[in-house]
Amino acid sequence: MRRILTSQTDNEQAPVLPHVYNMRRSNNDSEIQSKSLADGRISFTIKNSRNTGTSQITNFFAIRKRRASEESCSSKEKKTKACKTRNTFSISSSRLVPCCGFFDNKENALENVAQVVPDAISITPLGIFRMFPLELLYATFDYIPGLLISVLQLKQLSLSSSTLNIKIRKYISLASARRRFFTETAKVYDADLESAHDPFHSWGQFGLSMKRISCILLIINELGILLKACTIVMSYHGSQVFLGKFFNKNKDVRNWYGWGRFFMAFCKGWTYNECEELFRAVMRFTGLNSILNRTMSGKVKNHTHLEIELRVRLRGLFLSYYGKNDECYGFWNSLILRTQKTVAQQGKLFMIIFGPLKLDENNREVIDWELLSNNTIEDHRLCKEIIGPMSFSIHCMVVNDLMEYAWSDYHIFNLIEEITTAPHPWTLDNFAAFLALRPKLIHIALLARITHGHQEEAAHLFHAINSVLHQWGIFSSAAVTGALLKTFRALSDIRRRLFLSSFLRTESELLSDALMSEPFDRDYFYMELAVGRAVSPLVTLMASNV
């Protein structure tokens, strides 16, 4: 052992002991391994003692102890710094190299991008679009696939910031947006939406499916909502001006029913006063005021083409959207009729809008002013198709609380009289059918006549109503009991007795005339008997309230 250490000290090559080396690598005996480690420590101590010239082993351990303490402190510092550095790299790595879940969270994709590259997106009024030049921004809007999707996306963007709202308003005014609007709705522009039968009937000539039609109507409706969103930051007057400019730039679109959905979507949720302002603005920038004045200035049938044009535009713009909403329908109808100052002019305008149609010698549709005066419509289905729209329109003005736009019973009575007498009086059965289709109108027609001493006329009218209901197969007692009780409650005792007396006398006279007529009409006589039996519960009811 001494010789080996001496040779190592003298920088000589130590002899190789292969048998010892191999034993240490392959021997697993714990005693041999412990002995080898001890020999190594002894040799290291003797070597160092010779190099330093001292044999005090305790000094070595003191130095070793101090070094271990210092090294441990420094190693702790290094470990702490390394951990900090590793944590720093870990955080930045998670930002620069996102995990798999990053790509799955599509709802918060923009927030994730901001976390990955914090300086890539800054909060600006235009958001990510700030990096686009204006022309490229508009081109981006153009390439949003599908007009409906484009409108929905632009509506959401327009509500995100006022700056983006202004940009989208400018885009809507561009020629490219107008061309796209025209292209998407071209197939329904020429559709005759205002037929007396079905507003959708002529769309079939274009070969459009109802799915395609619904999509077109949804697009037009969403366009109205888009313009409403774009003008939400504008003043009320400014929004009307912008709406008028949009219409003028797209006035080649002749689909008045579609424009009606557009305007109704634009003013959805507005008050009646605000809707009236919009109504006046639409009447002005669509040219309806001019057509209305020219049509109403002359006599009926003098401007047949203007009458039809006025009818199509008014029904399309204001009365085709709220077919199932009585209140809104009555409100817009009230606004239209109040453009005229006298009851006579209001009745004329009402017939232009809702009157029956016929074909003239040139095979063009015109208002048929004589149909209800010269012919009695007995079929229930035809009555609902021809007379029903007129009856429904008046009904909506009666049953709804339109506040300052409401009509009193007195004005409704005068309007009904004007409609059913000008330019020629209707037949009694047609007038009775007009009231029977909407029984709440019966009270107005009877009360005014009885109150003003025309109980005989009221009795004939009430009998005609019961006869029409009997012909339609409707039990008259159930249909008119409410209207009759309401009328009786509003009458004095003497007027109740006068009306009941007139009604019984009318029943007797009509039954006697049917029995004594020449030639004798047995069917008519039996019908009068059946009507008398049907109204007998009503007679009992009236007798109990006199």
Foldseek 3Di string as FASTA:
>chain_A
DVVQLVCVLVVHDGDDDVVVVVCVVPPPDPVVVVVVVVVVVVSVLVNVCVVVVHNPVVVVVVVVVVVVVVVVVVVVVVVVVVVVVVVVVVQLCCLQPPDPVLVVPPVCVVVSVCSNPVPPWDDDQQTPCVPPDLVVVLVVLLPPPDLQSSLVVLLVSLLSHLVSLVSVLVSCLDPSVLVVLCVLQVLCQPQQQQALFHSCVRSVVSVDDVVSVVVNLSSLLSLLSSLLSSCVPPDLVVSLVSVLSSCVVNVVRRQLLSLQSSVCSNCPPHDLVSVLVSVVSCCPSNVVVVLLVVQLVDDPPPCFVSLQVNQSNLCRNQPVPPPPPLQSNLSSLLSVLVVDDDLLSSLVNLCSNQAHWDADPVRDIGGDPCDQAPDADQDPVVLCSGLVVSLSNLVSLAPDCPDVSHDDLVSSLSNLVSNQPPPHHGDLLSSLSSCLSPVLNLLSNLLVCLVVPNLLVSLVSVLSNLLSCVSNVHLVCVRNVVSVVVSLVVDDPVSLVVNLVSNVVVLVVLLVCQCPDPPHDPVSNVSSVVSCVSCVVVSVVSVVSD
